[in-house]
Amino acid sequence: MIEVTYHGRDLPRMEIKGHSSYASAGTDIVCSAVSVLTQFVAEILKNEGLGEYEKNAGYLLIKASKKCEVSDMLFHYLLESLISISKDYPKNLKVEVR
């Protein structure tokens, strides 16, 4: 199961860890969806100077370095998208907001 923990106080951050185990590597649509969404937001934040990320196998930590409308909006839509996926695949993705 992929576990996502979102911390929205002060500077937003999101930790993503684990594997969805929906299907085998290369055909797992849940893993693909989560990976594309989270890495897309992580790269935007980094490239725009609004945040940073740490990535390892089965792990991604995305952190905003500045509180601004753009970073807040990116985290908001990322969170909403992941919650939507978790409703369709509750055995493969869990999203927690702290």
Foldseek 3Di string as FASTA:
>chain_A
DWEKEWEDPDWIKIKIFDFQVPDDPPPDPLVVVLVVLVVVLQVVCVVVVQWHWDDDVRIIMTIGPDDDPVNVVSVVVSLVVLVVVCVVRVSRYDYHYD
